[in-house]
C-alpha cells in the first residue's frame, strides 16, 4: 500500500514536469505559433506589383509595395509604403502614396494612413497635390474619402478643409467643413 502512495505522486510530478518542458519549448520556438494567428501573416510578398485591367484590357490601376503581408483571420493585407496609380479619363493620372496601407479581401477597398499624398496630373504634368493623414478608396465605385484635415495646392490656389470626397469617375471634389482657399497672384 505504501508503494502506491509514493508511486502516484511521483508519476504526477513526472507528468507535470513534462508538460512544463513542452510549454517552454513552444514559447521559445516561433514556428510553433499557429499559422492562423493574428500576429503572423499567412503569406507575404516582397516588391509586390498588382495591375488591374478593365474588361477591354485597358490598365485601370497599379498598386505596388515593397512588402505586402496577408492576414487571413482579419481578411486583409497590409502594405508598407504603398504607391497606387489610377489611370482615369482623359489620360488623367492619380497617384496615391502613404506610409501604411490595407487592402480588404472582400471589397478590394484600400485604406491608407500616415502621410497620405495624392497627386493628379495629365501626361506627367502635375496639376494638383493633396495631403492628409487617412484616406479610404472604394475600388469598385472609384471614390476616395477622408474625414481628417486635407491640405491642397495647385498653380492657382492652395487651401485646407476638414474632410474630402473625390469621385474619380467624374473628377469632382467635395470639400467638407472649415474650407479655406487662398488664391495665388
N, C-alpha and C. Protein backbone atom coordinates (compact mmCIF):
# COMPACT_ATOMS: atom_id res chain seq x y z
N UNK A 1 0.80 -1.18 0.00
CA UNK A 1 0.00 0.00 0.00
C UNK A 1 0.85 1.26 0.00
N UNK A 2 1.95 1.22 0.75
CA UNK A 2 2.83 2.37 0.82
C UNK A 2 3.43 2.68 -0.53
N UNK A 3 3.75 1.68 -1.28
CA UNK A 3 4.35 1.90 -2.60
C UNK A 3 3.39 2.67 -3.51
N UNK A 4 2.12 2.38 -3.40
CA UNK A 4 1.14 3.08 -4.22
C UNK A 4 1.10 4.57 -3.92
N UNK A 5 1.14 4.90 -2.63
CA UNK A 5 1.10 6.31 -2.25
C UNK A 5 2.33 7.06 -2.74
N UNK A 6 3.43 6.41 -2.80
CA UNK A 6 4.66 7.03 -3.29
C UNK A 6 4.66 7.07 -4.81
N UNK A 7 4.16 6.05 -5.44
CA UNK A 7 4.17 5.95 -6.90
C UNK A 7 3.24 6.97 -7.56
N UNK A 8 2.04 7.19 -7.05
CA UNK A 8 1.08 8.12 -7.65
C UNK A 8 1.62 9.55 -7.64
N UNK A 9 2.11 10.09 -6.51
CA UNK A 9 2.66 11.45 -6.56
C UNK A 9 3.90 11.55 -7.45
N UNK A 10 4.69 10.52 -7.49
CA UNK A 10 5.88 10.53 -8.33
C UNK A 10 5.50 10.59 -9.81
N UNK A 11 4.52 9.79 -10.23
CA UNK A 11 4.04 9.83 -11.61
C UNK A 11 3.41 11.18 -11.94
N UNK A 12 2.66 11.74 -11.02
CA UNK A 12 2.05 13.06 -11.23
C UNK A 12 3.12 14.12 -11.42
N UNK A 13 4.16 14.06 -10.64
CA UNK A 13 5.26 15.02 -10.74
C UNK A 13 5.96 14.89 -12.09
N UNK A 14 6.16 13.69 -12.57
CA UNK A 14 6.81 13.47 -13.87
C UNK A 14 5.94 14.04 -14.99
N UNK A 15 4.63 13.84 -14.93
CA UNK A 15 3.71 14.37 -15.95
C UNK A 15 3.75 15.89 -15.96
N UNK A 16 3.72 16.51 -14.79
CA UNK A 16 3.75 17.98 -14.69
C UNK A 16 5.06 18.52 -15.26
N UNK A 17 6.17 17.91 -14.95
CA UNK A 17 7.47 18.35 -15.46
C UNK A 17 7.50 18.25 -16.98
N UNK A 18 6.99 17.16 -17.54
CA UNK A 18 6.95 17.00 -19.00
C UNK A 18 6.08 18.07 -19.65
N UNK A 19 4.94 18.36 -19.06
CA UNK A 19 4.06 19.41 -19.60
C UNK A 19 4.74 20.78 -19.56
N UNK A 20 5.43 21.07 -18.48
CA UNK A 20 6.14 22.35 -18.38
C UNK A 20 7.25 22.45 -19.41
N UNK A 21 7.96 21.37 -19.64
CA UNK A 21 9.03 21.36 -20.65
C UNK A 21 8.47 21.59 -22.05
N UNK A 22 7.34 20.95 -22.37
CA UNK A 22 6.70 21.15 -23.68
C UNK A 22 6.27 22.59 -23.86
N UNK A 23 5.66 23.16 -22.81
CA UNK A 23 5.21 24.56 -22.89
C UNK A 23 6.40 25.49 -23.07
N UNK A 24 7.49 25.23 -22.39
CA UNK A 24 8.70 26.06 -22.51
C UNK A 24 9.26 25.98 -23.93
N UNK A 25 9.29 24.81 -24.52
CA UNK A 25 9.80 24.65 -25.88
C UNK A 25 8.92 25.38 -26.88
N UNK A 26 7.61 25.33 -26.69
CA UNK A 26 6.71 26.02 -27.61
C UNK A 26 6.89 27.52 -27.55
N UNK A 27 7.13 28.08 -26.36
CA UNK A 27 7.33 29.52 -26.24
C UNK A 27 8.64 29.97 -26.87
N UNK A 28 9.64 29.15 -26.85
CA UNK A 28 10.94 29.51 -27.40
C UNK A 28 10.99 29.37 -28.91
N UNK A 29 10.19 28.51 -29.49
CA UNK A 29 10.23 28.23 -30.92
C UNK A 29 9.14 29.03 -31.65
N UNK A 30 9.51 30.06 -32.44
CA UNK A 30 8.49 30.89 -33.10
C UNK A 30 7.67 30.12 -34.14
N UNK A 31 8.16 29.00 -34.61
CA UNK A 31 7.43 28.24 -35.62
C UNK A 31 6.30 27.40 -35.03
N UNK A 32 6.20 27.35 -33.71
CA UNK A 32 5.09 26.62 -33.10
C UNK A 32 3.85 27.48 -32.96
N UNK A 33 3.95 28.79 -33.26
CA UNK A 33 2.77 29.66 -33.23
C UNK A 33 1.88 29.27 -34.40
N UNK A 34 0.59 29.08 -34.18
CA UNK A 34 -0.30 28.66 -35.27
C UNK A 34 -0.28 29.64 -36.44
N UNK A 35 -0.39 29.11 -37.64
CA UNK A 35 -0.37 29.94 -38.84
C UNK A 35 -1.55 30.90 -38.88
N UNK A 36 -2.68 30.49 -38.30
CA UNK A 36 -3.85 31.36 -38.34
C UNK A 36 -3.85 32.40 -37.21
N UNK A 37 -2.73 32.59 -36.56
CA UNK A 37 -2.62 33.59 -35.51
C UNK A 37 -2.75 34.99 -36.08
N UNK A 38 -3.36 35.89 -35.31
CA UNK A 38 -3.50 37.28 -35.74
C UNK A 38 -2.15 37.97 -35.83
N UNK A 39 -1.16 37.44 -35.14
CA UNK A 39 0.15 38.09 -35.09
C UNK A 39 1.03 37.76 -36.30
N UNK A 40 0.74 36.68 -36.99
CA UNK A 40 1.58 36.27 -38.11
C UNK A 40 0.78 36.25 -39.41
N UNK A 41 1.38 36.72 -40.50
CA UNK A 41 0.67 36.63 -41.78
C UNK A 41 0.66 35.20 -42.29
N UNK A 42 -0.37 34.86 -43.08
CA UNK A 42 -0.37 33.53 -43.69
C UNK A 42 0.52 33.52 -44.92
N UNK A 43 0.79 34.69 -45.52
CA UNK A 43 1.82 34.81 -46.56
C UNK A 43 2.23 36.27 -46.68
N UNK A 44 3.38 36.49 -47.29
CA UNK A 44 3.82 37.85 -47.57
C UNK A 44 4.55 37.87 -48.90
N UNK A 45 4.61 39.05 -49.50
CA UNK A 45 5.31 39.22 -50.77
C UNK A 45 6.23 40.42 -50.66
N UNK A 46 7.36 40.34 -51.33
CA UNK A 46 8.28 41.47 -51.42
C UNK A 46 8.21 42.03 -52.84
N UNK A 47 8.37 43.34 -52.96
CA UNK A 47 8.34 44.04 -54.25
C UNK A 47 7.08 43.67 -55.04
N UNK A 48 5.94 43.76 -54.37
CA UNK A 48 4.66 43.39 -54.96
C UNK A 48 4.18 44.46 -55.93
N UNK A 49 3.71 44.03 -57.10
CA UNK A 49 3.07 44.91 -58.07
C UNK A 49 1.80 44.21 -58.54
N UNK A 50 0.67 44.89 -58.37
CA UNK A 50 -0.62 44.35 -58.77
C UNK A 50 -1.21 45.29 -59.81
N UNK A 51 -1.60 44.75 -60.96
CA UNK A 51 -2.18 45.57 -62.02
C UNK A 51 -3.63 45.15 -62.23
N UNK A 52 -4.50 46.14 -62.40
CA UNK A 52 -5.92 45.88 -62.60
C UNK A 52 -6.33 46.41 -63.97
N UNK A 53 -6.88 45.52 -64.79
CA UNK A 53 -7.32 45.88 -66.15
C UNK A 53 -8.84 45.82 -66.21
N UNK A 54 -9.44 46.65 -67.07
CA UNK A 54 -10.89 46.58 -67.27
C UNK A 54 -11.21 45.45 -68.25
N UNK A 55 -12.49 45.29 -68.57
CA UNK A 55 -12.91 44.20 -69.46
C UNK A 55 -12.37 44.34 -70.87
N UNK A 56 -11.90 45.53 -71.26
CA UNK A 56 -11.33 45.75 -72.59
C UNK A 56 -9.81 45.61 -72.61
N UNK A 57 -9.23 45.25 -71.47
CA UNK A 57 -7.78 45.09 -71.39
C UNK A 57 -7.03 46.39 -71.18
N UNK A 58 -7.72 47.44 -70.77
CA UNK A 58 -7.07 48.74 -70.54
C UNK A 58 -6.68 48.82 -69.07
N UNK A 59 -5.43 49.21 -68.82
CA UNK A 59 -4.91 49.32 -67.46
C UNK A 59 -5.67 50.40 -66.70
N UNK A 60 -6.27 50.02 -65.57
CA UNK A 60 -7.04 50.95 -64.74
C UNK A 60 -6.28 51.38 -63.50
N UNK A 61 -5.50 50.46 -62.92
CA UNK A 61 -4.81 50.76 -61.67
C UNK A 61 -3.57 49.89 -61.53
N UNK A 62 -2.60 50.43 -60.83
CA UNK A 62 -1.38 49.68 -60.50
C UNK A 62 -1.07 49.96 -59.04
N UNK A 63 -0.91 48.90 -58.26
CA UNK A 63 -0.61 49.01 -56.84
C UNK A 63 0.73 48.34 -56.60
N UNK A 64 1.65 49.05 -55.95
CA UNK A 64 2.95 48.46 -55.65
C UNK A 64 3.31 48.74 -54.20
N UNK A 65 4.09 47.83 -53.63
CA UNK A 65 4.53 47.95 -52.25
C UNK A 65 5.79 47.12 -52.06
N UNK A 66 6.77 47.63 -51.31
CA UNK A 66 7.96 46.82 -51.05
C UNK A 66 7.64 45.55 -50.26
N UNK A 67 6.63 45.63 -49.36
CA UNK A 67 6.24 44.45 -48.57
C UNK A 67 4.73 44.43 -48.41
N UNK A 68 4.12 43.29 -48.73
CA UNK A 68 2.69 43.06 -48.52
C UNK A 68 2.56 41.81 -47.66
N UNK A 69 1.84 41.91 -46.54
CA UNK A 69 1.61 40.78 -45.64
C UNK A 69 0.12 40.52 -45.56
N UNK A 70 -0.30 39.29 -45.82
CA UNK A 70 -1.73 38.95 -45.80
C UNK A 70 -2.08 38.26 -44.49
N UNK A 71 -3.20 38.67 -43.90
CA UNK A 71 -3.69 38.10 -42.65
C UNK A 71 -5.07 37.52 -42.90
N UNK A 72 -5.17 36.20 -42.95
CA UNK A 72 -6.43 35.52 -43.29
C UNK A 72 -7.51 35.77 -42.25
N UNK A 73 -7.15 35.75 -40.96
CA UNK A 73 -8.16 35.95 -39.91
C UNK A 73 -8.79 37.33 -39.99
N UNK A 74 -8.01 38.32 -40.39
CA UNK A 74 -8.51 39.69 -40.48
C UNK A 74 -9.07 40.01 -41.86
N UNK A 75 -8.87 39.10 -42.80
CA UNK A 75 -9.33 39.26 -44.19
C UNK A 75 -8.82 40.57 -44.80
N UNK A 76 -7.52 40.78 -44.62
CA UNK A 76 -6.91 41.98 -45.18
C UNK A 76 -5.42 41.76 -45.39
N UNK A 77 -4.85 42.60 -46.24
CA UNK A 77 -3.42 42.59 -46.49
C UNK A 77 -2.86 43.95 -46.10
N UNK A 78 -1.73 43.95 -45.43
CA UNK A 78 -1.08 45.20 -45.02
C UNK A 78 0.07 45.49 -45.97
N UNK A 79 0.16 46.76 -46.36
CA UNK A 79 1.23 47.19 -47.27
C UNK A 79 2.11 48.21 -46.57
N UNK A 80 3.38 48.15 -46.87
CA UNK A 80 4.34 49.14 -46.39
C UNK A 80 4.64 50.08 -47.55
N UNK A 81 4.52 51.38 -47.31
CA UNK A 81 4.80 52.42 -48.30
C UNK A 81 4.18 52.11 -49.67
N UNK A 82 2.86 51.93 -49.71
CA UNK A 82 2.22 51.62 -50.99
C UNK A 82 2.21 52.82 -51.94
N UNK A 83 2.26 52.52 -53.22
CA UNK A 83 2.10 53.51 -54.28
C UNK A 83 0.96 53.00 -55.16
N UNK A 84 -0.10 53.79 -55.26
CA UNK A 84 -1.27 53.40 -56.04
C UNK A 84 -1.42 54.39 -57.17
N UNK A 85 -1.38 53.90 -58.39
CA UNK A 85 -1.54 54.74 -59.57
C UNK A 85 -2.85 54.37 -60.24
N UNK A 86 -3.72 55.37 -60.40
CA UNK A 86 -5.03 55.16 -61.02
C UNK A 86 -5.06 55.91 -62.34
N UNK A 87 -5.45 55.22 -63.38
CA UNK A 87 -5.49 55.82 -64.71
C UNK A 87 -6.93 56.20 -65.02
N UNK A 88 -7.20 57.51 -65.06
CA UNK A 88 -8.57 57.99 -65.22
C UNK A 88 -8.89 58.37 -66.65
N UNK A 89 -10.01 59.06 -66.78
CA UNK A 89 -10.47 59.51 -68.08
C UNK A 89 -9.58 60.65 -68.57
N UNK A 90 -9.55 60.86 -69.86
CA UNK A 90 -8.76 61.94 -70.48
C UNK A 90 -7.28 61.90 -70.11
N UNK A 91 -6.76 60.69 -69.92
CA UNK A 91 -5.35 60.47 -69.60
C UNK A 91 -4.92 61.09 -68.28
N UNK A 92 -5.88 61.32 -67.38
CA UNK A 92 -5.55 61.81 -66.05
C UNK A 92 -4.90 60.67 -65.27
N UNK A 93 -3.89 61.00 -64.49
CA UNK A 93 -3.20 60.00 -63.67
C UNK A 93 -3.26 60.46 -62.22
N UNK A 94 -3.81 59.61 -61.37
CA UNK A 94 -3.86 59.85 -59.94
C UNK A 94 -2.80 58.98 -59.29
N UNK A 95 -1.99 59.55 -58.42
CA UNK A 95 -1.02 58.75 -57.69
C UNK A 95 -1.22 58.98 -56.20
N UNK A 96 -1.45 57.90 -55.47
CA UNK A 96 -1.67 57.95 -54.04
C UNK A 96 -0.51 57.23 -53.36
N UNK A 97 0.08 57.86 -52.36
CA UNK A 97 1.17 57.26 -51.60
C UNK A 97 0.91 57.46 -50.11
N UNK A 98 1.48 56.58 -49.30
CA UNK A 98 1.38 56.71 -47.84
C UNK A 98 2.44 55.83 -47.21
N UNK A 99 2.53 55.89 -45.90
CA UNK A 99 3.48 55.02 -45.19
C UNK A 99 2.89 53.64 -44.94
N UNK A 100 1.56 53.57 -44.75
CA UNK A 100 0.90 52.28 -44.50
C UNK A 100 -0.38 52.18 -45.32
N UNK A 101 -0.74 50.95 -45.65
CA UNK A 101 -1.99 50.73 -46.37
C UNK A 101 -2.58 49.37 -46.08
N UNK A 102 -3.88 49.26 -46.26
CA UNK A 102 -4.60 48.00 -46.10
C UNK A 102 -5.44 47.75 -47.34
N UNK A 103 -5.47 46.49 -47.78
CA UNK A 103 -6.40 46.07 -48.83
C UNK A 103 -7.34 45.06 -48.19
N UNK A 104 -8.64 45.33 -48.28
CA UNK A 104 -9.63 44.45 -47.68
C UNK A 104 -10.02 43.37 -48.68
N UNK A 105 -9.98 42.11 -48.24
CA UNK A 105 -10.19 40.96 -49.12
C UNK A 105 -11.52 40.98 -49.86
N UNK A 106 -12.61 41.20 -49.15
CA UNK A 106 -13.94 41.05 -49.75
C UNK A 106 -14.27 42.15 -50.73
N UNK A 107 -13.90 43.39 -50.44
CA UNK A 107 -14.29 44.52 -51.28
C UNK A 107 -13.16 45.02 -52.18
N UNK A 108 -11.94 44.68 -51.86
CA UNK A 108 -10.74 45.19 -52.52
C UNK A 108 -10.57 46.69 -52.30
N UNK A 109 -11.30 47.26 -51.32
CA UNK A 109 -11.13 48.65 -50.97
C UNK A 109 -9.77 48.82 -50.29
N UNK A 110 -9.28 50.05 -50.30
CA UNK A 110 -7.95 50.34 -49.78
C UNK A 110 -8.04 51.45 -48.75
N UNK A 111 -7.42 51.25 -47.61
CA UNK A 111 -7.31 52.29 -46.59
C UNK A 111 -5.84 52.69 -46.49
N UNK A 112 -5.58 53.98 -46.59
CA UNK A 112 -4.22 54.49 -46.47
C UNK A 112 -4.14 55.36 -45.22
N UNK A 113 -2.98 55.31 -44.54
CA UNK A 113 -2.81 56.18 -43.38
C UNK A 113 -1.35 56.58 -43.25
N UNK A 114 -1.16 57.65 -42.51
CA UNK A 114 0.16 58.22 -42.23
C UNK A 114 0.79 58.81 -43.49
N UNK A 115 0.76 60.13 -43.54
CA UNK A 115 1.42 60.88 -44.61
C UNK A 115 0.89 60.50 -45.99
N UNK A 116 -0.43 60.58 -46.15
CA UNK A 116 -1.06 60.25 -47.43
C UNK A 116 -0.91 61.44 -48.38
N UNK A 117 -0.39 61.20 -49.56
CA UNK A 117 -0.24 62.23 -50.58
C UNK A 117 -0.97 61.78 -51.84
N UNK A 118 -1.68 62.72 -52.45
CA UNK A 118 -2.41 62.46 -53.69
C UNK A 118 -1.94 63.46 -54.72
N UNK A 119 -1.57 62.97 -55.88
CA UNK A 119 -1.14 63.85 -56.97
C UNK A 119 -2.00 63.54 -58.18
N UNK A 120 -2.52 64.59 -58.78
CA UNK A 120 -3.30 64.47 -60.00
C UNK A 120 -2.54 65.17 -61.11
N UNK A 121 -2.31 64.46 -62.20
CA UNK A 121 -1.60 65.04 -63.32
C UNK A 121 -2.11 64.51 -64.63
N UNK A 122 -1.71 65.17 -65.70
CA UNK A 122 -2.10 64.73 -67.04
C UNK A 122 -0.83 64.64 -67.86
N UNK A 123 -0.56 63.45 -68.38
CA UNK A 123 0.63 63.21 -69.20
C UNK A 123 1.91 63.65 -68.48
N UNK A 124 2.01 63.30 -67.22
CA UNK A 124 3.23 63.59 -66.47
C UNK A 124 3.29 64.98 -65.87
N UNK A 125 2.37 65.87 -66.22
CA UNK A 125 2.36 67.22 -65.66
C UNK A 125 1.52 67.22 -64.39
N UNK A 126 2.11 67.66 -63.31
CA UNK A 126 1.40 67.69 -62.05
C UNK A 126 0.45 68.89 -62.01
N UNK A 127 -0.80 68.65 -61.69
CA UNK A 127 -1.78 69.73 -61.65
C UNK A 127 -2.27 70.04 -60.24
N UNK A 128 -2.40 69.01 -59.41
CA UNK A 128 -2.97 69.19 -58.08
C UNK A 128 -2.31 68.25 -57.10
N UNK A 129 -2.03 68.75 -55.89
CA UNK A 129 -1.48 67.94 -54.81
C UNK A 129 -2.39 68.04 -53.60
N UNK A 130 -2.65 66.92 -52.96
CA UNK A 130 -3.42 66.89 -51.72
C UNK A 130 -2.65 66.08 -50.70
N UNK A 131 -2.79 66.45 -49.43
CA UNK A 131 -2.14 65.71 -48.35
C UNK A 131 -3.12 65.56 -47.19
N UNK A 132 -3.13 64.39 -46.57
CA UNK A 132 -4.00 64.11 -45.43
C UNK A 132 -3.37 62.99 -44.62
N UNK A 133 -3.97 62.65 -43.49
CA UNK A 133 -3.43 61.57 -42.66
C UNK A 133 -4.09 60.23 -42.94
N UNK A 134 -5.32 60.24 -43.44
CA UNK A 134 -6.02 58.99 -43.75
C UNK A 134 -6.85 59.16 -45.01
N UNK A 135 -6.96 58.08 -45.77
CA UNK A 135 -7.78 58.11 -46.98
C UNK A 135 -8.35 56.72 -47.20
N UNK A 136 -9.64 56.65 -47.56
CA UNK A 136 -10.29 55.39 -47.86
C UNK A 136 -10.68 55.41 -49.33
N UNK A 137 -10.24 54.41 -50.09
CA UNK A 137 -10.53 54.35 -51.52
C UNK A 137 -11.45 53.17 -51.80
N UNK A 138 -12.66 53.46 -52.29
CA UNK A 138 -13.63 52.42 -52.67
C UNK A 138 -13.31 52.01 -54.09
N UNK A 139 -12.71 50.84 -54.25
CA UNK A 139 -12.19 50.41 -55.54
C UNK A 139 -13.28 50.27 -56.60
N UNK A 140 -14.39 49.64 -56.25
CA UNK A 140 -15.44 49.40 -57.26
C UNK A 140 -16.17 50.69 -57.66
N UNK A 141 -16.29 51.64 -56.74
CA UNK A 141 -17.00 52.89 -57.03
C UNK A 141 -16.06 53.99 -57.52
N UNK A 142 -14.77 53.77 -57.43
CA UNK A 142 -13.76 54.77 -57.81
C UNK A 142 -13.97 56.08 -57.07
N UNK A 143 -14.13 55.96 -55.73
CA UNK A 143 -14.29 57.13 -54.88
C UNK A 143 -13.27 57.08 -53.75
N UNK A 144 -12.75 58.24 -53.39
CA UNK A 144 -11.82 58.36 -52.27
C UNK A 144 -12.39 59.36 -51.28
N UNK A 145 -12.24 59.06 -49.99
CA UNK A 145 -12.76 59.97 -48.98
C UNK A 145 -11.82 60.03 -47.79
N UNK A 146 -11.87 61.16 -47.10
CA UNK A 146 -11.09 61.37 -45.90
C UNK A 146 -11.92 62.18 -44.92
N UNK A 147 -11.84 61.85 -43.65
CA UNK A 147 -12.51 62.61 -42.61
C UNK A 147 -11.52 63.47 -41.83
N UNK A 148 -10.24 63.39 -42.18
CA UNK A 148 -9.21 64.15 -41.49
C UNK A 148 -8.90 65.43 -42.27
N UNK A 149 -8.09 66.28 -41.69
CA UNK A 149 -7.70 67.54 -42.33
C UNK A 149 -7.00 67.27 -43.66
N UNK A 150 -7.39 68.01 -44.68
CA UNK A 150 -6.83 67.86 -46.02
C UNK A 150 -6.22 69.20 -46.43
N UNK A 151 -5.00 69.17 -46.93
CA UNK A 151 -4.33 70.36 -47.45
C UNK A 151 -4.16 70.14 -48.94
N UNK A 152 -4.48 71.16 -49.75
CA UNK A 152 -4.37 71.01 -51.20
C UNK A 152 -3.68 72.22 -51.79
N UNK A 153 -3.09 71.99 -52.99
CA UNK A 153 -2.35 73.06 -53.66
C UNK A 153 -2.28 72.76 -55.15
N UNK A 154 -2.44 73.81 -55.96
CA UNK A 154 -2.16 73.73 -57.39
C UNK A 154 -1.62 75.08 -57.84
N UNK A 155 -1.47 75.29 -59.13
CA UNK A 155 -0.88 76.54 -59.63
C UNK A 155 -1.76 77.75 -59.34
N UNK A 156 -3.06 77.56 -59.18
CA UNK A 156 -3.98 78.68 -58.99
C UNK A 156 -4.28 79.00 -57.53
N UNK A 157 -4.32 77.98 -56.68
CA UNK A 157 -4.74 78.21 -55.30
C UNK A 157 -4.18 77.15 -54.36
N UNK A 158 -4.31 77.43 -53.07
CA UNK A 158 -3.94 76.49 -52.02
C UNK A 158 -4.99 76.61 -50.93
N UNK A 159 -5.14 75.58 -50.12
CA UNK A 159 -6.13 75.66 -49.07
C UNK A 159 -6.18 74.42 -48.21
N UNK A 160 -7.21 74.37 -47.37
CA UNK A 160 -7.39 73.24 -46.47
C UNK A 160 -8.88 73.04 -46.20
N UNK A 161 -9.21 71.87 -45.71
CA UNK A 161 -10.59 71.52 -45.35
C UNK A 161 -10.56 70.37 -44.36
N UNK A 162 -11.65 70.20 -43.64
CA UNK A 162 -11.80 69.07 -42.73
C UNK A 162 -12.64 68.01 -43.42
N UNK A 163 -12.01 67.20 -44.21
CA UNK A 163 -12.70 66.12 -44.91
C UNK A 163 -12.81 66.37 -46.40
N UNK A 164 -12.92 65.27 -47.14
CA UNK A 164 -12.88 65.35 -48.59
C UNK A 164 -13.56 64.13 -49.19
N UNK A 165 -14.21 64.32 -50.32
CA UNK A 165 -14.74 63.21 -51.12
C UNK A 165 -14.35 63.48 -52.56
N UNK A 166 -13.72 62.50 -53.21
CA UNK A 166 -13.31 62.63 -54.61
C UNK A 166 -13.99 61.51 -55.39
N UNK A 167 -14.69 61.88 -56.44
CA UNK A 167 -15.27 60.91 -57.36
C UNK A 167 -14.34 60.86 -58.57
N UNK A 168 -13.60 59.77 -58.71
CA UNK A 168 -12.62 59.67 -59.78
C UNK A 168 -13.27 59.44 -61.14
N UNK A 169 -14.53 59.02 -61.17
CA UNK A 169 -15.24 58.86 -62.44
C UNK A 169 -15.51 60.22 -63.08
N UNK A 170 -15.97 61.15 -62.26
CA UNK A 170 -16.31 62.48 -62.77
C UNK A 170 -15.23 63.51 -62.49
N UNK A 171 -14.24 63.14 -61.66
CA UNK A 171 -13.15 64.02 -61.23
C UNK A 171 -13.67 65.25 -60.50
N UNK A 172 -14.72 65.07 -59.72
CA UNK A 172 -15.27 66.14 -58.90
C UNK A 172 -14.81 65.98 -57.46
N UNK A 173 -14.49 67.11 -56.82
CA UNK A 173 -14.06 67.15 -55.43
C UNK A 173 -15.18 67.75 -54.59
N UNK A 174 -15.37 67.20 -53.42
CA UNK A 174 -16.30 67.78 -52.46
C UNK A 174 -15.53 68.01 -51.18
N UNK A 175 -15.32 69.26 -50.82
CA UNK A 175 -14.62 69.61 -49.59
C UNK A 175 -15.64 69.73 -48.47
N UNK A 176 -15.32 69.23 -47.29
CA UNK A 176 -16.29 69.24 -46.20
C UNK A 176 -16.14 70.51 -45.38
N UNK A 177 -16.13 70.44 -44.09
CA UNK A 177 -16.16 71.59 -43.19
C UNK A 177 -14.86 72.41 -43.20
N UNK A 178 -14.97 73.62 -42.67
CA UNK A 178 -13.83 74.52 -42.44
C UNK A 178 -12.97 74.69 -43.68
N UNK A 179 -13.58 74.97 -44.79
CA UNK A 179 -12.86 75.12 -46.06
C UNK A 179 -12.21 76.50 -46.12
N UNK A 180 -10.93 76.52 -46.40
CA UNK A 180 -10.17 77.76 -46.60
C UNK A 180 -9.45 77.65 -47.93
N UNK A 181 -9.58 78.69 -48.76
CA UNK A 181 -8.91 78.71 -50.06
C UNK A 181 -8.18 80.04 -50.19
N UNK A 182 -6.92 79.98 -50.58
CA UNK A 182 -6.09 81.16 -50.84
C UNK A 182 -5.67 81.12 -52.30
N UNK A 183 -6.08 82.11 -53.05
CA UNK A 183 -5.73 82.16 -54.47
C UNK A 183 -4.36 82.78 -54.66
N UNK A 184 -3.58 82.22 -55.57
CA UNK A 184 -2.25 82.74 -55.87
C UNK A 184 -2.37 83.96 -56.77
N UNK A 185 -1.42 84.86 -56.67
CA UNK A 185 -1.42 86.06 -57.53
C UNK A 185 -0.94 85.76 -58.91
